[in-house]
Protein backbone atom coordinates (compact mmCIF):
# COMPACT_ATOMS: atom_id res chain seq x y z
CA MET A 1 138.56 155.54 121.51
CA SER A 2 138.63 152.10 123.07
CA LYS A 3 136.74 149.06 121.83
CA LYS A 4 134.38 149.12 124.79
CA GLU A 5 133.09 152.58 123.85
CA GLN A 6 132.27 151.63 120.26
CA PRO A 7 128.58 150.89 119.69
CA VAL A 8 127.17 148.27 117.39
CA ILE A 9 125.24 150.01 114.61
CA VAL A 10 122.74 148.32 112.33
CA GLY A 11 121.94 149.40 108.77
CA LEU A 12 118.61 148.35 107.25
CA ASP A 13 118.26 148.53 103.47
CA ILE A 14 114.61 148.08 102.43
CA GLY A 15 114.71 147.45 98.69
CA THR A 16 112.30 146.30 96.01
CA THR A 17 113.87 142.85 95.68
CA LYS A 18 115.64 142.36 99.02
CA VAL A 19 115.77 143.58 102.61
CA VAL A 20 119.23 143.50 104.18
CA ALA A 21 120.22 144.09 107.81
CA ILE A 22 123.92 144.36 108.69
CA ALA A 23 125.35 144.97 112.17
CA GLY A 24 128.82 146.50 112.30
CA ARG A 25 131.34 147.83 114.74
CA LYS A 26 134.59 149.76 114.29
CA ASN A 27 137.81 148.19 115.48
CA GLU A 28 140.83 150.03 116.85
CA PHE A 29 142.08 150.62 113.29
CA GLY A 30 138.94 152.56 112.38
CA LYS A 31 137.68 149.81 110.06
CA LEU A 32 134.21 148.28 110.15
CA GLU A 33 133.84 144.70 111.27
CA VAL A 34 130.58 143.01 110.32
CA LEU A 35 129.18 141.20 113.35
CA GLY A 36 125.91 139.96 111.90
CA MET A 37 124.07 139.92 108.61
CA GLY A 38 120.60 138.93 107.46
CA ARG A 39 118.95 139.01 104.07
CA ALA A 40 115.33 138.31 103.08
CA GLU A 41 113.28 138.54 99.92
CA SER A 42 111.42 141.83 99.81
CA ALA A 43 107.64 141.86 99.51
CA GLY A 44 105.22 144.77 99.46
CA VAL A 45 107.72 147.26 98.00
CA SER A 46 107.64 148.53 94.42
CA HIS A 47 110.23 150.95 93.01
CA GLY A 48 111.27 151.90 96.54
CA VAL A 49 107.70 152.70 97.63
CA VAL A 50 105.83 150.61 100.22
CA MET A 51 102.70 149.16 98.62
CA ASN A 52 101.75 146.63 101.31
CA ILE A 53 102.57 147.42 104.94
CA GLU A 54 102.09 143.89 106.32
CA GLN A 55 104.26 142.20 103.67
CA CYS A 56 107.01 144.78 104.14
CA ILE A 57 106.94 144.25 107.92
CA ARG A 58 107.33 140.48 107.46
CA SER A 59 110.34 141.02 105.17
CA ILE A 60 112.00 143.32 107.70
CA GLU A 61 111.37 140.87 110.54
CA GLN A 62 112.85 138.00 108.50
CA ALA A 63 116.01 140.01 107.71
CA ILE A 64 116.46 141.02 111.37
CA GLU A 65 115.81 137.43 112.51
CA LYS A 66 118.47 136.07 110.14
CA CYS A 67 120.89 138.75 111.33
CA LEU A 68 120.32 137.63 114.93
CA GLN A 69 120.72 133.98 113.92
CA SER A 70 124.11 134.77 112.38
CA ASN A 71 125.23 136.10 115.78
CA PRO A 72 123.02 135.13 118.75
CA ASN A 73 124.88 137.60 120.98
CA LEU A 74 123.39 140.57 119.12
CA GLU A 75 120.38 142.44 120.45
CA ILE A 76 119.02 144.90 117.89
CA LYS A 77 116.83 147.79 118.98
CA GLU A 78 117.76 150.67 116.66
CA VAL A 79 118.49 150.86 112.95
CA TYR A 80 119.59 153.35 110.32
CA VAL A 81 117.24 153.02 107.35
CA GLY A 82 117.93 153.81 103.69
CA ILE A 83 115.35 155.87 101.82
CA ALA A 84 114.87 156.06 98.05
CA GLY A 85 111.96 155.68 95.64
CA GLN A 86 110.79 157.42 92.51
CA HIS A 87 109.08 160.11 94.63
CA ILE A 88 112.48 161.48 95.72
CA LYS A 89 113.37 164.58 93.69
CA SER A 90 115.97 167.31 93.84
CA LEU A 91 116.26 170.90 92.66
CA GLN A 92 118.82 173.68 92.68
CA THR A 93 118.14 177.09 94.17
CA ARG A 94 119.97 180.24 95.19
CA GLY A 95 119.66 182.15 98.47
CA ASP A 96 121.13 185.39 99.86
CA ARG A 97 120.90 187.14 103.20
CA VAL A 98 122.04 190.59 104.38
CA ARG A 99 123.59 190.46 107.84
CA THR A 100 122.59 192.96 110.52
CA ARG A 101 125.66 192.52 112.76
CA VAL A 102 128.29 193.28 110.14
CA GLU A 103 130.98 194.08 112.69
CA GLU A 104 130.95 190.48 113.92
CA GLU A 105 132.41 187.44 112.18
CA ILE A 106 130.13 185.13 110.21
CA ASN A 107 129.09 182.31 112.51
CA LYS A 108 127.05 179.11 112.39
CA GLU A 109 123.87 181.00 113.24
CA ASP A 110 124.20 183.07 110.05
CA ILE A 111 124.50 179.87 108.01
CA ASP A 112 121.52 178.29 109.77
CA LEU A 113 119.36 181.35 109.06
CA LEU A 114 120.36 181.27 105.40
CA VAL A 115 119.47 177.57 105.19
CA ARG A 116 116.18 178.17 107.01
CA ASP A 117 115.20 180.78 104.43
CA GLN A 118 115.24 178.06 101.76
CA TYR A 119 112.25 176.32 103.35
CA LYS A 120 110.17 179.02 101.64
CA THR A 121 111.15 177.55 98.26
CA TYR A 122 108.12 176.54 96.22
CA ILE A 123 107.70 172.77 95.79
CA PRO A 124 104.79 170.77 94.32
CA ALA A 125 101.76 170.06 96.52
CA GLY A 126 102.07 166.81 98.50
CA ASP A 127 105.87 166.98 98.54
CA GLN A 128 107.95 168.00 101.52
CA ILE A 129 111.47 169.36 101.76
CA ILE A 130 113.57 166.54 103.22
CA ASP A 131 116.97 168.17 103.23
CA ILE A 132 118.74 171.35 102.15
CA ILE A 133 122.41 170.95 101.25
CA PRO A 134 124.53 174.12 100.89
CA GLN A 135 127.11 174.07 98.14
CA GLU A 136 129.56 176.89 97.45
CA PHE A 137 129.00 180.13 99.39
CA ASN A 138 129.46 183.78 98.40
CA VAL A 139 130.54 186.48 100.86
CA ASP A 140 130.10 189.96 99.36
CA ASN A 141 132.19 189.82 96.17
CA THR A 142 134.10 186.68 97.13
CA SER A 143 132.72 183.61 95.38
CA ASN A 144 133.27 179.84 95.68
CA VAL A 145 133.80 179.95 99.44
CA LEU A 146 133.63 176.45 100.94
CA ASP A 147 133.32 177.53 104.60
CA PRO A 148 132.47 181.18 105.33
CA ILE A 149 132.48 180.83 109.13
CA GLY A 150 135.00 183.27 110.62
CA MET A 151 134.99 185.61 107.62
CA SER A 152 133.71 189.19 107.60
CA GLY A 153 131.05 190.45 105.23
CA VAL A 154 127.69 192.16 104.80
CA LYS A 155 125.96 189.85 102.34
CA ILE A 156 126.19 186.08 102.47
CA GLY A 157 124.69 183.77 99.84
CA ALA A 158 124.92 180.20 98.60
CA ASN A 159 123.73 177.74 96.01
CA PHE A 160 121.58 175.00 97.52
CA HIS A 161 120.68 171.44 96.59
CA ILE A 162 117.18 170.74 97.90
CA ILE A 163 115.90 167.17 98.23
CA THR A 164 112.14 166.62 98.35
CA GLY A 165 109.92 163.59 98.75
CA ASP A 166 106.34 162.49 99.24
CA ARG A 167 105.42 162.79 102.91
CA ASN A 168 103.13 159.76 103.02
CA ALA A 169 105.55 157.50 101.14
CA ILE A 170 108.31 158.21 103.64
CA ARG A 171 105.98 157.88 106.63
CA ASN A 172 104.99 154.42 105.39
CA ILE A 173 108.62 153.25 105.43
CA LYS A 174 109.06 154.47 108.99
CA ARG A 175 105.75 152.86 109.98
CA CYS A 176 106.96 149.48 108.71
CA VAL A 177 110.14 149.75 110.78
CA ASP A 178 108.21 150.85 113.89
CA LYS A 179 105.79 147.92 113.60
CA SER A 180 108.77 145.57 113.35
CA ASN A 181 109.60 146.57 116.97
CA LEU A 182 112.58 148.67 115.91
CA ASN A 183 113.45 152.30 116.53
CA THR A 184 114.42 154.29 113.44
CA ARG A 185 117.55 156.15 114.45
CA ASP A 186 117.62 158.07 111.18
CA LEU A 187 116.58 157.84 107.54
CA VAL A 188 119.41 158.33 105.05
CA LEU A 189 119.15 158.96 101.32
CA GLN A 190 120.35 155.73 99.71
CA PRO A 191 122.62 157.23 97.04
CA LEU A 192 124.49 159.16 99.75
CA ALA A 193 124.85 156.02 101.86
CA SER A 194 126.18 154.07 98.86
CA ALA A 195 128.59 156.90 98.05
CA ALA A 196 130.03 156.83 101.57
CA ALA A 197 130.70 153.10 101.26
CA VAL A 198 132.41 153.04 97.86
CA MET A 199 134.17 156.41 97.48
CA ASN A 200 137.71 157.21 98.55
CA ASP A 201 139.57 160.50 99.00
CA GLU A 202 140.70 160.70 95.37
CA ASP A 203 137.15 160.15 94.06
CA LEU A 204 135.81 163.07 96.06
CA GLU A 205 138.51 165.36 94.72
CA ALA A 206 138.41 164.23 91.08
CA GLY A 207 134.63 164.25 90.77
CA VAL A 208 132.51 161.11 90.38
CA ALA A 209 128.96 159.98 89.74
CA ILE A 210 127.79 157.16 92.00
CA VAL A 211 125.21 155.06 90.13
CA ASP A 212 123.51 152.50 92.38
CA ILE A 213 121.52 150.09 90.18
CA GLY A 214 119.14 148.40 92.58
CA GLY A 215 116.09 146.23 92.16
CA GLY A 216 113.40 148.90 91.83
CA THR A 217 115.27 152.17 91.32
CA THR A 218 118.64 153.43 90.15
CA ASP A 219 119.99 155.98 92.62
CA MET A 220 122.49 158.60 91.58
CA ALA A 221 124.73 161.02 93.47
CA VAL A 222 127.21 163.35 91.74
CA PHE A 223 130.22 164.85 93.52
CA TYR A 224 132.46 167.59 92.12
CA ASP A 225 135.06 169.81 93.79
CA GLY A 226 134.57 167.80 96.98
CA MET A 227 130.88 168.70 97.19
CA LEU A 228 127.58 166.98 96.51
CA LYS A 229 126.28 168.58 93.31
CA HIS A 230 123.26 166.49 92.40
CA THR A 231 121.08 163.57 93.45
CA ALA A 232 118.49 161.72 91.41
CA VAL A 233 116.34 158.59 91.57
CA ILE A 234 115.77 156.93 88.19
CA PRO A 235 112.60 154.76 88.26
CA TYR A 236 114.14 151.91 86.22
CA ALA A 237 116.35 149.12 87.51
CA GLY A 238 116.68 145.34 87.86
CA VAL A 239 112.96 144.61 88.16
CA ASN A 240 112.32 146.34 84.82
CA ILE A 241 114.95 144.18 83.13
CA THR A 242 113.33 141.06 84.58
CA ASN A 243 109.89 142.16 83.37
CA ASP A 244 111.28 142.91 79.89
CA ILE A 245 112.72 139.38 79.68
CA ARG A 246 109.48 137.88 80.97
CA ASN A 247 107.32 139.71 78.42
CA GLY A 248 109.78 139.57 75.52
CA LEU A 249 110.53 135.86 75.78
CA GLY A 250 107.24 134.62 77.24
CA VAL A 251 108.62 132.99 80.37
CA LEU A 252 107.74 133.01 84.06
CA ARG A 253 109.10 135.77 86.31
CA ALA A 254 111.32 133.35 88.26
CA GLN A 255 112.72 131.96 85.00
CA ALA A 256 113.38 135.49 83.71
CA GLU A 257 115.24 136.41 86.90
CA GLN A 258 117.34 133.26 86.77
CA MET A 259 118.25 133.80 83.12
CA LYS A 260 119.19 137.42 83.82
CA VAL A 261 121.50 136.47 86.67
CA GLN A 262 123.00 133.32 85.16
CA PHE A 263 123.26 134.09 81.43
CA GLY A 264 122.64 137.84 81.12
CA THR A 265 125.08 140.32 79.63
CA ALA A 266 124.76 144.05 79.08
CA LEU A 267 126.42 143.92 75.63
CA ALA A 268 124.64 141.91 72.95
CA ASP A 269 127.78 141.88 70.77
CA GLU A 270 129.55 139.86 73.45
CA ALA A 271 126.83 137.19 73.64
CA ASN A 272 127.32 133.81 71.97
CA ALA A 273 125.02 133.68 68.94
CA ASN A 274 125.05 129.88 68.95
CA ALA A 275 124.15 129.43 72.62
CA TYR A 276 120.61 128.58 73.72
CA ILE A 277 118.85 128.19 77.07
CA THR A 278 116.29 125.39 77.43
CA ILE A 279 113.24 126.29 79.51
CA PRO A 280 110.97 123.43 80.71
CA GLY A 281 107.49 123.49 79.20
CA LEU A 282 104.42 124.20 81.32
CA ARG A 283 101.98 121.36 82.05
CA GLY A 284 103.11 119.00 79.32
CA LEU A 285 104.02 121.63 76.74
CA PRO A 286 107.30 121.09 74.87
CA PRO A 287 110.45 122.79 76.25
CA LYS A 288 111.26 126.26 74.94
CA GLU A 289 114.69 127.26 73.62
CA ILE A 290 115.81 130.83 74.28
CA SER A 291 118.65 132.45 72.34
CA VAL A 292 121.32 133.94 74.60
CA LYS A 293 121.77 136.64 71.95
CA ASN A 294 118.11 137.65 72.16
CA LEU A 295 118.33 137.72 75.94
CA ALA A 296 121.33 140.07 75.73
CA HIS A 297 119.51 142.42 73.32
CA ILE A 298 116.62 142.78 75.78
CA ILE A 299 118.96 143.47 78.70
CA GLN A 300 121.10 145.94 76.76
CA ALA A 301 118.06 147.96 75.63
CA ARG A 302 116.87 148.57 79.19
CA MET A 303 120.35 149.04 80.66
CA GLN A 304 121.13 151.58 77.95
CA GLU A 305 117.94 153.46 78.81
CA ILE A 306 119.05 153.68 82.44
CA LEU A 307 122.47 155.00 81.39
CA ASP A 308 120.81 157.52 79.06
CA TYR A 309 119.07 158.91 82.14
CA VAL A 310 122.44 159.13 83.87
CA VAL A 311 123.84 161.16 80.97
CA TYR A 312 120.73 163.36 80.99
CA HIS A 313 121.20 164.22 84.67
CA LEU A 314 124.90 164.93 84.17
CA LYS A 315 124.11 167.29 81.28
CA GLN A 316 121.54 169.07 83.45
CA ILE A 317 124.33 170.17 85.77
CA ASP A 318 126.95 170.57 83.01
CA LEU A 319 129.21 167.84 84.38
CA ASP A 320 128.92 165.28 81.58
CA LYS A 321 132.53 166.00 80.49
CA LYS A 322 134.12 167.11 83.78
CA LEU A 323 134.02 164.07 86.04
CA TYR A 324 137.65 162.92 85.96
CA GLY A 325 136.85 160.16 88.44
CA GLY A 326 134.25 158.81 86.03
CA ILE A 327 131.29 156.70 87.08
CA ILE A 328 131.25 154.28 90.00
CA LEU A 329 128.67 151.52 89.52
CA THR A 330 127.30 149.81 92.59
CA GLY A 331 124.18 147.94 93.69
CA GLY A 332 123.02 144.51 92.54
CA GLY A 333 122.75 145.61 88.90
CA ALA A 334 126.47 146.39 88.84
CA GLN A 335 127.15 142.63 88.76
CA MET A 336 125.84 142.36 85.19
CA LYS A 337 128.51 141.15 82.76
CA HIS A 338 130.04 143.83 80.51
CA ILE A 339 128.22 146.63 82.36
CA ILE A 340 131.46 148.63 82.56
CA GLN A 341 131.97 148.54 78.79
CA LEU A 342 128.37 149.60 78.11
CA THR A 343 128.61 152.41 80.66
CA GLU A 344 131.79 153.77 79.10
CA TYR A 345 130.27 153.53 75.63
CA VAL A 346 127.04 155.35 76.53
CA THR A 347 128.46 158.03 78.85
CA GLY A 348 131.91 158.60 77.36
CA LEU A 349 133.35 158.49 80.89
CA GLY A 350 135.53 155.93 82.63
CA ALA A 351 133.69 153.43 84.80
CA ARG A 352 134.44 150.93 87.54
CA ILE A 353 132.55 148.75 89.99
CA GLY A 354 132.29 150.20 93.50
CA HIS A 355 132.76 147.51 96.14
CA PRO A 356 131.99 148.44 99.77
CA ASN A 357 135.43 147.35 100.98
CA GLU A 358 136.88 150.84 101.39
CA HIS A 359 135.93 150.89 105.08
CA LEU A 360 135.67 147.17 105.88
CA ALA A 361 138.22 145.33 107.99
CA GLY A 362 140.08 142.42 106.45
CA GLY A 363 139.04 138.82 106.92
CA HIS A 364 135.45 139.10 105.74
CA THR A 365 134.01 136.73 103.18
CA GLU A 366 133.78 137.70 99.52
CA SER A 367 129.99 137.88 99.77
CA LEU A 368 130.22 141.01 101.91
CA MET A 369 132.30 142.75 99.24
CA ASN A 370 129.32 142.50 96.90
CA PRO A 371 128.21 145.91 95.53
CA MET A 372 124.60 145.09 96.47
CA TYR A 373 125.54 145.70 100.12
CA SER A 374 126.99 149.19 99.55
CA THR A 375 123.92 151.00 100.89
CA CYS A 376 123.83 148.96 104.10
CA ILE A 377 127.54 149.52 104.81
CA GLY A 378 127.05 153.24 104.14
CA LEU A 379 124.19 153.36 106.64
CA ILE A 380 126.49 152.00 109.35
CA LEU A 381 129.06 154.66 108.43
CA ARG A 382 126.38 157.32 108.83
CA GLY A 383 125.62 155.94 112.27
CA TYR A 384 129.28 156.21 113.27
CA HIS A 385 129.40 159.75 111.91
CA ASP A 386 126.55 160.66 114.28
CA PHE A 387 128.20 158.83 117.15
CA GLU A 388 131.62 160.42 116.67
CA ASN A 389 130.09 163.88 116.42
CA GLY A 390 128.13 163.52 119.63
CA ARG A 391 124.76 162.94 117.99
CA MET A 392 124.32 159.39 119.25
CA ARG A 393 124.29 158.12 122.80
CA PHE A 394 126.58 155.16 123.22
CA ILE A 395 126.21 151.93 125.15
CA GLY A 396 125.11 152.21 128.75
CA ASP A 397 123.97 155.84 129.01
CA GLY A 398 120.37 154.89 129.68
CA GLY A 399 118.87 155.88 126.33
CA ASN A 400 117.71 153.74 123.45
CA TYR A 401 120.75 151.91 122.20
CA ILE A 402 121.99 148.67 120.69
CA HIS A 403 123.31 146.06 123.11
CA PHE A 404 126.18 143.73 122.37
CA ASN A 405 127.89 140.99 124.32
CA GLU A 406 131.52 142.06 124.71
CA GLU A 407 132.76 138.46 124.98
CA ALA A 408 131.51 137.65 121.48
CA MET A 409 133.56 140.53 120.11
CA LYS A 410 136.94 139.15 121.18
CA PRO A 411 137.48 136.55 118.43
CA VAL A 412 136.32 139.00 115.76
CA VAL A 413 138.70 141.70 116.94
CA ALA A 414 141.51 139.16 117.23
CA GLU A 415 140.92 138.07 113.64
CA ALA A 416 141.03 141.66 112.38
CA VAL A 417 144.22 142.40 114.31
CA ALA A 418 145.82 139.24 112.90
CA ASN A 419 144.98 140.37 109.38
CA VAL A 420 146.42 143.85 109.83
CA THR A 421 149.44 143.32 112.07
CA PRO A 422 151.74 141.40 109.63
CA GLN A 423 151.77 144.37 107.25
CA VAL A 424 153.50 146.57 109.84
CA GLU A 425 155.34 144.05 112.00
CA GLU A 426 158.75 145.65 111.46
CA GLU A 427 157.64 149.06 112.68
CA THR A 428 157.49 150.22 116.25
CA GLU A 429 154.24 150.33 118.19
CA ASP A 430 154.32 154.14 118.23
CA ASP A 431 154.73 154.23 114.42
CA ILE A 432 151.74 151.92 113.99
CA ASP A 433 149.54 154.00 116.27
CA GLU A 434 150.53 157.22 114.50
CA GLN A 435 149.84 155.82 111.03
CA VAL A 436 146.52 154.29 112.06
CA GLN A 437 145.39 157.51 113.73
CA HIS A 438 146.38 159.57 110.68
CA LYS A 439 144.52 157.30 108.24
CA GLN A 440 141.49 157.11 110.49
CA LYS A 441 141.43 160.89 110.91
CA LYS A 442 141.64 161.47 107.16
CA ARG A 443 138.91 158.90 106.47
CA ASN A 444 136.66 160.43 109.12
CA GLU A 445 137.23 163.94 107.74
CA ASN A 446 136.04 162.91 104.29
CA LEU A 447 132.97 161.13 105.68
CA LYS A 448 132.26 164.18 107.82
CA ARG A 449 132.37 166.42 104.73
CA LEU A 450 129.92 164.10 103.01
CA PHE A 451 127.42 163.74 105.84
CA ASP A 452 127.73 167.25 107.26
CA GLY A 453 126.39 168.58 103.98
CA LEU A 454 123.03 167.38 105.21
CA LYS A 455 122.03 170.25 107.44
CA GLY A 456 118.90 168.58 108.80
CA LYS A 457 118.36 165.00 109.90
CA PHE A 458 115.70 163.01 108.09
CA MET A 459 113.98 162.27 111.39
CA SER A 460 113.04 165.93 111.72
CA PHE A 461 110.84 165.26 108.71
CA PHE A 462 108.39 163.52 111.03
CA GLU A 463 108.21 166.26 113.61
CA GLU A 464 105.09 168.40 113.42
CA VAL A 465 106.37 171.89 112.67
CA GLU A 466 103.99 174.83 112.55
CA ASP A 467 104.08 176.94 109.40
CA GLU A 468 105.01 180.09 111.27
CA GLU A 469 108.07 178.37 112.74
CA ILE A 470 109.73 177.89 109.36
CA LYS A 471 108.97 181.30 107.91
């Protein structure tokens, strides 16, 4: 696929503490090049749920405006939006279906009917099924079938991972985006977006838990045997740590946040017992001295509670001892000092920080490699998955799309080529093309496995469907 056919896709991460908009485009090596980025303080959002529509709209507009300022040649009309919040829940269920045309091979229609049956699953009032993700299938007496299409059989069944959410909470997020003069191309579950940005082929095979510690929520996605096994949203994250510091030490919220970022550590044993932080007094009051050790104790207590929830969810699916890939920490909270050591101590599994550089082209600044941008990078990857599978109309076909000035792309592409070419300069041009195509194909296959698990798009959540149509 040539450069001219590649669209510019924008990911919009609406968090509790920040709103980030990143515009990206794939180069000829299949890597993402960031063309624009904007970040704004988030207002009107609490624990992933919109509490004030007008404030949230202003935050989105500021992030988009800064993204456009970073590259005046961008024109943003559509975005992929991350969705999380403590209202997101998941459950496991089992479904079976007896086929009527047993002489024919199992086809996609049989799978779709089996998935459709799961919409009858009971869920609490006020919630709505967002997505149904098939896991391993059974065909007659054959179990653990990954793809039954083309097989023969009378009875087909599967285990399903069902994601639910509060209808009004999700509608409010989409309403904020709409009122910011943007079209929502799709809504993507944030832990799945983060997973796409930080996982590699080996992680998917070995089994990993992606733990995205954000501002308002901690999002979790567990993969085992190459499949999504579990998702969860833990309602504790960075904001809770800040509030604990504020209440425990009697300081202002801004002071608590600054101390957390500048002096915080997740392990109290590693804190300097003789170090103190001096806080200016309010309105003539004497300055206050805060012990770094006390600060660390407060942070560790809340961080350990979050990790206890992670262990709880892993035990629920009997994978607390089976994830050979361990735990991948991402999100803003993953920058906390000694978080890896605490994670390994609490969970008993290996841990590492997941940076969103798995799919990024070389030459970008270190700031983009920050784990807090994992969700946004993953949203762009989801957009390219839709595009490459024919689900997204590209530039110039007359539909809603994202414009981009081709001239502004030339120096960016040239920079990426300059960064990649020296590594293979002794090989022939044909060898380079073959290697690049092979790597890109393998990378796309793994992303396709991840995103294709989602049988329905989030946008269908907003379509008015009559009850009799889903029965």
